[in-house]
Protein backbone atom coordinates (compact mmCIF):
# COMPACT_ATOMS: atom_id res chain seq x y z
CA MET A 1 19.58 10.28 6.73
CA GLU A 2 16.31 10.09 4.80
CA ARG A 3 15.42 6.60 3.65
CA ILE A 4 13.70 5.04 0.68
CA GLY A 5 10.25 3.64 1.36
CA VAL A 6 8.07 1.23 -0.56
CA PHE A 7 4.40 1.75 0.22
CA PHE A 8 2.15 -1.21 -0.51
CA ASP A 9 -1.61 -1.05 -0.73
CA ARG A 10 -3.10 -3.95 1.23
CA ASP A 11 -6.21 -5.55 -0.32
CA GLY A 12 -5.64 -6.80 -3.85
CA THR A 13 -1.91 -6.09 -3.62
CA ILE A 14 -0.51 -8.07 -0.65
CA ASN A 15 -3.59 -10.11 0.22
CA THR A 16 -6.49 -11.35 -1.87
CA GLU A 17 -9.20 -8.77 -2.56
CA ILE A 18 -12.42 -9.43 -0.64
CA ASP A 19 -15.05 -6.71 -0.55
CA PHE A 20 -14.80 -5.46 3.02
CA LEU A 21 -12.55 -8.06 4.60
CA THR A 22 -13.85 -8.28 8.18
CA ARG A 23 -12.21 -11.31 9.83
CA PRO A 24 -8.56 -12.34 10.35
CA GLN A 25 -9.18 -15.80 8.86
CA GLU A 26 -10.13 -14.14 5.54
CA VAL A 27 -6.57 -12.85 5.06
CA GLN A 28 -4.81 -14.81 2.31
CA LEU A 29 -1.50 -13.67 0.88
CA ILE A 30 -1.20 -13.26 -2.88
CA PRO A 31 1.57 -15.60 -4.11
CA GLN A 32 5.05 -14.06 -3.85
CA ALA A 33 3.84 -10.87 -2.16
CA ALA A 34 5.73 -11.88 1.00
CA ARG A 35 8.82 -12.55 -1.12
CA ALA A 36 8.68 -9.00 -2.49
CA ILE A 37 8.49 -7.60 1.05
CA ARG A 38 11.27 -9.88 2.28
CA GLU A 39 13.57 -8.77 -0.54
CA ALA A 40 12.80 -5.12 0.23
CA ASN A 41 13.64 -5.81 3.89
CA GLU A 42 16.94 -7.36 2.83
CA LEU A 43 17.78 -4.32 0.70
CA GLY A 44 17.25 -2.05 3.72
CA VAL A 45 14.18 -0.34 2.27
CA LYS A 46 11.38 0.69 4.62
CA VAL A 47 8.21 -1.30 3.85
CA LEU A 48 4.89 0.23 4.82
CA VAL A 49 1.23 -0.50 4.14
CA ILE A 50 -1.21 2.30 3.31
CA THR A 51 -4.84 1.22 3.18
CA ASN A 52 -8.26 2.86 3.00
CA GLN A 53 -10.54 1.11 5.49
CA SER A 54 -13.93 2.77 5.11
CA GLY A 55 -15.51 -0.41 6.52
CA ILE A 56 -14.89 1.28 9.88
CA ALA A 57 -16.88 4.38 8.90
CA ARG A 58 -19.59 2.14 7.44
CA GLY A 59 -19.88 0.17 10.70
CA LEU A 60 -18.79 -3.13 9.12
CA ILE A 61 -15.73 -3.48 11.36
CA THR A 62 -14.25 -1.73 14.38
CA GLU A 63 -10.69 -0.47 14.76
CA SER A 64 -10.18 -3.41 17.13
CA ASP A 65 -11.31 -5.83 14.38
CA LEU A 66 -8.88 -4.16 11.98
CA SER A 67 -6.07 -4.57 14.49
CA ALA A 68 -6.74 -8.33 14.63
CA ILE A 69 -6.73 -8.50 10.82
CA HIS A 70 -3.39 -6.71 10.71
CA GLU A 71 -1.94 -9.02 13.35
CA ARG A 72 -2.90 -11.94 11.11
CA LEU A 73 -1.30 -10.25 8.08
CA ILE A 74 1.91 -9.62 10.04
CA GLU A 75 1.98 -13.24 11.20
CA LEU A 76 1.48 -14.66 7.69
CA LEU A 77 4.28 -12.43 6.38
CA ARG A 78 6.54 -13.36 9.31
CA ARG A 79 6.17 -17.04 8.46
CA GLU A 80 7.73 -16.24 5.08
CA GLY A 81 10.53 -14.13 6.54
CA ALA A 82 8.93 -10.78 5.64
CA ARG A 83 8.45 -7.77 7.91
CA LEU A 84 6.39 -4.57 7.73
CA ASP A 85 7.85 -1.40 9.24
CA GLY A 86 4.40 0.11 9.68
CA ILE A 87 0.72 -0.04 8.71
CA TYR A 88 -1.25 3.14 8.10
CA TYR A 89 -4.99 3.14 7.53
CA CYS A 90 -7.74 5.63 6.90
CA PRO A 91 -10.99 4.76 8.73
CA HIS A 92 -12.94 7.66 7.22
CA HIS A 93 -15.47 8.11 4.45
CA PRO A 94 -16.85 11.46 3.25
CA ASP A 95 -20.40 10.12 2.69
CA TYR A 96 -21.01 7.12 4.97
CA GLY A 97 -21.12 6.41 8.67
CA LEU A 98 -21.16 8.59 11.75
CA PRO A 99 -18.71 11.08 13.24
CA PRO A 100 -15.85 10.90 13.93
CA TYR A 101 -15.47 8.62 10.91
CA LYS A 102 -17.83 10.35 8.46
CA LYS A 103 -15.72 13.24 7.28
CA VAL A 104 -13.59 14.62 4.50
CA CYS A 105 -9.99 13.91 5.52
CA ASN A 106 -6.50 14.21 4.09
CA CYS A 107 -5.60 10.55 4.72
CA ARG A 108 -8.09 8.75 2.45
CA LYS A 109 -6.35 7.87 -0.81
CA PRO A 110 -6.00 9.52 -3.33
CA GLN A 111 -5.06 12.12 -0.70
CA THR A 112 -1.47 11.90 0.53
CA GLY A 113 -1.93 12.08 4.31
CA MET A 114 -0.90 8.48 5.07
CA LEU A 115 2.21 8.78 2.90
CA GLU A 116 3.20 12.07 4.52
CA ARG A 117 2.66 10.77 8.05
CA ALA A 118 4.68 7.61 7.34
CA ALA A 119 7.45 9.68 5.77
CA ARG A 120 7.67 11.89 8.86
CA GLU A 121 7.62 9.00 11.31
CA HIS A 122 10.15 6.88 9.40
CA LYS A 123 12.32 9.67 7.95
CA ILE A 124 11.50 8.65 4.38
CA ASP A 125 12.23 10.75 1.31
CA LEU A 126 9.01 10.45 -0.71
CA ARG A 127 10.73 11.64 -3.91
CA LYS A 128 12.98 8.58 -3.75
CA SER A 129 10.16 6.22 -2.76
CA PHE A 130 7.53 4.08 -4.49
CA VAL A 131 3.86 3.13 -4.19
CA ILE A 132 2.66 -0.32 -5.29
CA GLY A 133 -1.10 -0.88 -5.52
CA ASP A 134 -4.03 -2.17 -7.54
CA ARG A 135 -6.15 1.00 -7.78
CA CYS A 136 -5.93 4.36 -9.51
CA ILE A 137 -6.28 6.02 -6.12
CA ASP A 138 -3.01 4.35 -5.04
CA MET A 139 -1.25 5.65 -8.16
CA MET A 140 -2.70 9.15 -7.76
CA ALA A 141 -1.67 9.35 -4.11
CA GLY A 142 1.83 8.19 -5.01
CA LYS A 143 2.20 10.64 -7.89
CA SER A 144 0.86 13.55 -5.80
CA ALA A 145 3.40 12.73 -3.08
CA GLY A 146 6.26 12.62 -5.61
CA CYS A 147 6.74 8.83 -5.49
CA GLY A 148 7.30 6.38 -8.32
CA THR A 149 4.23 4.19 -8.91
CA ALA A 150 3.60 0.60 -9.96
CA LEU A 151 0.12 -0.75 -10.69
CA VAL A 152 -0.43 -4.46 -10.08
CA LEU A 153 -3.02 -6.43 -12.04
CA THR A 154 -4.19 -8.43 -9.04
CA GLY A 155 -7.23 -7.07 -7.17
CA TYR A 156 -8.82 -4.25 -9.18
CA GLY A 157 -5.75 -3.64 -11.32
CA ASN A 158 -7.07 -5.28 -14.47
CA VAL A 159 -10.33 -3.32 -14.27
CA GLU A 160 -8.68 0.04 -13.54
CA ARG A 161 -5.56 -0.30 -15.69
CA GLU A 162 -6.74 1.76 -18.65
CA GLU A 163 -8.03 4.60 -16.48
CA CYS A 164 -4.81 4.61 -14.43
CA VAL A 165 -2.62 4.79 -17.52
CA GLU A 166 -4.78 7.57 -19.01
CA THR A 167 -4.37 9.72 -15.87
CA GLY A 168 -0.59 9.54 -16.31
CA SER A 169 -0.12 8.47 -12.70
CA VAL A 170 1.43 5.05 -13.46
CA HIS A 171 5.15 4.54 -14.06
CA PHE A 172 4.99 0.75 -14.39
CA VAL A 173 2.34 -1.94 -14.76
CA ALA A 174 3.08 -5.38 -13.29
CA ALA A 175 1.23 -8.67 -13.02
CA THR A 176 1.90 -8.98 -9.27
CA ALA A 177 3.45 -7.20 -6.31
CA TYR A 178 6.59 -9.30 -6.77
CA GLU A 179 6.97 -8.20 -10.39
CA ALA A 180 6.34 -4.59 -9.33
CA TRP A 181 9.02 -4.96 -6.68
CA GLN A 182 11.49 -6.16 -9.33
CA PHE A 183 10.90 -2.90 -11.22
CA VAL A 184 11.29 -0.86 -8.01
CA LYS A 185 14.46 -2.73 -7.03
CA GLN A 186 16.05 -2.04 -10.43
CA GLU A 187 15.19 1.65 -10.11
CA ILE A 188 16.71 1.82 -6.62
CA LEU A 189 19.88 0.00 -7.67
CA LYS A 190 20.21 2.15 -10.81
CA ARG A 191 19.99 5.36 -8.77
CA HIS A 192 22.46 4.02 -6.22
CA LYS A 193 24.92 3.19 -8.98
CA ASN A 194 24.65 6.72 -10.37
CA THR A 195 25.36 8.45 -7.06
């Protein structure tokens, strides 16, 4: 059976936006983000992170550094009873760095590669799923993949809101990931009721 997935952007959505977060101790959860993930876990929805990490291409961090950052994120969420089913990241950039990281790829948002890979690996129906993020690229990736989209005003959301709405890629605008999750939850429950 294909499942519903909720795909969260990382920086500015789950944890505080820092330009090129490079150390585990810099990870700080945005208030109630863990609660959103925990409630999604409880509803039986797959929760995945999709994040562009061009800091790898730029030589600011290694994939090993990123792994330590993600371990810290997982631990902070675990302390609040929340669990991620997977983390997908794009280490590439089309203009910066050295091969194999300097390249045009299909995984860097707004491309849909991370969403498609996660959907395959977790048997997720993208047309029944949702993307929550703070950037237009998150919304565009979600829309292109057939997902519902919710823009949060944490991170870059306030700055990019107008552009995101103008592109028609946003279904809902929320103050935080928790508020976005409330919208997503209502949509899921409404659909379930109608089936």
